[in-house]
Amino acid sequence: MPSVVGPIKVNSVSGGVMSFGDSFYVSPKSSSKTNTGSGSLNTGDFLVTNNMVSTTNPFDPDIQDQGNVGNA
């Protein structure tokens, strides 16, 4: 089924894939984990964040997270 895509604004693309319109099959080609504080990775126009106290716990009790094996 055709789709209508409206205005698009792309601020930056860093090694990613962008899909517009109909997508039958989308799967991740890579995965990563990032530990950051509250409000540190926010993006957008006219952004205001009010974080009084921010703590980040990077401890991960899992041995391995879900992988992306088989996504060719």
C-alpha atoms as a PDB file:
ATOM      1  CA  MET A   1       0.000   0.000   0.000  1.00  0.00           C
ATOM      2  CA  PRO A   2       1.494   3.377  -0.945  1.00  0.00           C
ATOM      3  CA  SER A   3       2.249   5.838   1.796  1.00  0.00           C
ATOM      4  CA  VAL A   4       2.512   9.606   1.872  1.00  0.00           C
ATOM      5  CA  VAL A   5       5.594  11.026   3.533  1.00  0.00           C
ATOM      6  CA  GLY A   6       5.405  14.649   4.644  1.00  0.00           C
ATOM      7  CA  PRO A   7       8.179  17.165   5.245  1.00  0.00           C
ATOM      8  CA  ILE A   8      11.428  15.649   6.498  1.00  0.00           C
ATOM      9  CA  LYS A   9      14.255  17.300   8.432  1.00  0.00           C
ATOM     10  CA  VAL A  10      17.484  15.368   8.956  1.00  0.00           C
ATOM     11  CA  ASN A  11      19.974  17.047  11.294  1.00  0.00           C
ATOM     12  CA  SER A  12      22.721  14.440  10.944  1.00  0.00           C
ATOM     13  CA  VAL A  13      23.254  10.852   9.889  1.00  0.00           C
ATOM     14  CA  SER A  14      26.077   8.842  11.428  1.00  0.00           C
ATOM     15  CA  GLY A  15      26.392   5.386   9.909  1.00  0.00           C
ATOM     16  CA  GLY A  16      22.680   4.717   9.843  1.00  0.00           C
ATOM     17  CA  VAL A  17      20.015   3.604   7.400  1.00  0.00           C
ATOM     18  CA  MET A  18      16.961   5.742   6.777  1.00  0.00           C
ATOM     19  CA  SER A  19      13.756   4.213   5.408  1.00  0.00           C
ATOM     20  CA  PHE A  20      10.820   6.263   4.126  1.00  0.00           C
ATOM     21  CA  GLY A  21       7.475   4.938   3.014  1.00  0.00           C
ATOM     22  CA  ASP A  22       6.617   1.259   3.007  1.00  0.00           C
ATOM     23  CA  SER A  23       9.115  -1.083   4.673  1.00  0.00           C
ATOM     24  CA  PHE A  24       8.573  -4.828   4.541  1.00  0.00           C
ATOM     25  CA  TYR A  25      11.561  -6.029   6.536  1.00  0.00           C
ATOM     26  CA  VAL A  26      13.787  -3.930   8.795  1.00  0.00           C
ATOM     27  CA  SER A  27      16.438  -5.476  11.022  1.00  0.00           C
ATOM     28  CA  PRO A  28      19.454  -4.046  12.871  1.00  0.00           C
ATOM     29  CA  LYS A  29      22.857  -4.621  11.276  1.00  0.00           C
ATOM     30  CA  SER A  30      24.801  -3.673  14.403  1.00  0.00           C
ATOM     31  CA  SER A  31      24.116  -3.030  18.058  1.00  0.00           C
ATOM     32  CA  SER A  32      25.808  -1.165  20.888  1.00  0.00           C
ATOM     33  CA  LYS A  33      25.176  -0.054  24.452  1.00  0.00           C
ATOM     34  CA  THR A  34      25.759   3.414  25.835  1.00  0.00           C
ATOM     35  CA  ASN A  35      25.536   4.555  29.456  1.00  0.00           C
ATOM     36  CA  THR A  36      24.845   8.276  29.751  1.00  0.00           C
ATOM     37  CA  GLY A  37      23.255  10.624  32.235  1.00  0.00           C
ATOM     38  CA  SER A  38      19.818  12.161  32.128  1.00  0.00           C
ATOM     39  CA  GLY A  39      19.368  14.605  29.254  1.00  0.00           C
ATOM     40  CA  SER A  40      22.824  14.071  27.755  1.00  0.00           C
ATOM     41  CA  LEU A  41      21.763  12.594  24.384  1.00  0.00           C
ATOM     42  CA  ASN A  42      18.737  14.812  23.718  1.00  0.00           C
ATOM     43  CA  THR A  43      18.572  16.305  20.227  1.00  0.00           C
ATOM     44  CA  GLY A  44      16.176  18.716  18.586  1.00  0.00           C
ATOM     45  CA  ASP A  45      15.363  22.339  18.032  1.00  0.00           C
ATOM     46  CA  PHE A  46      14.842  24.654  21.017  1.00  0.00           C
ATOM     47  CA  LEU A  47      15.637  21.966  23.582  1.00  0.00           C
ATOM     48  CA  VAL A  48      15.236  22.679  27.302  1.00  0.00           C
ATOM     49  CA  THR A  49      16.113  20.064  29.938  1.00  0.00           C
ATOM     50  CA  ASN A  50      15.710  20.493  33.686  1.00  0.00           C
ATOM     51  CA  ASN A  51      17.623  17.749  35.491  1.00  0.00           C
ATOM     52  CA  MET A  52      18.151  18.478  39.131  1.00  0.00           C
ATOM     53  CA  VAL A  53      20.071  15.298  40.000  1.00  0.00           C
ATOM     54  CA  SER A  54      21.330  12.748  37.486  1.00  0.00           C
ATOM     55  CA  THR A  55      23.115   9.498  38.259  1.00  0.00           C
ATOM     56  CA  THR A  56      23.972   6.659  35.902  1.00  0.00           C
ATOM     57  CA  ASN A  57      24.593   3.072  36.956  1.00  0.00           C
ATOM     58  CA  PRO A  58      26.703   1.351  34.241  1.00  0.00           C
ATOM     59  CA  PHE A  59      26.597  -2.012  36.047  1.00  0.00           C
ATOM     60  CA  ASP A  60      25.003  -4.696  33.855  1.00  0.00           C
ATOM     61  CA  PRO A  61      24.468  -8.059  35.564  1.00  0.00           C
ATOM     62  CA  ASP A  62      23.823  -9.849  32.238  1.00  0.00           C
ATOM     63  CA  ILE A  63      26.694 -11.766  30.697  1.00  0.00           C
ATOM     64  CA  GLN A  64      25.492 -10.981  27.171  1.00  0.00           C
ATOM     65  CA  ASP A  65      22.587  -9.016  25.783  1.00  0.00           C
ATOM     66  CA  GLN A  66      20.473 -10.078  22.831  1.00  0.00           C
ATOM     67  CA  GLY A  67      22.655 -10.230  19.738  1.00  0.00           C
ATOM     68  CA  ASN A  68      21.929  -9.583  16.100  1.00  0.00           C
ATOM     69  CA  VAL A  69      23.171 -12.890  14.672  1.00  0.00           C
ATOM     70  CA  GLY A  70      21.567 -13.799  11.353  1.00  0.00           C
ATOM     71  CA  ASN A  71      20.724 -10.238  10.257  1.00  0.00           C
ATOM     72  CA  ALA A  72      22.563 -10.187   6.965  1.00  0.00           C
END
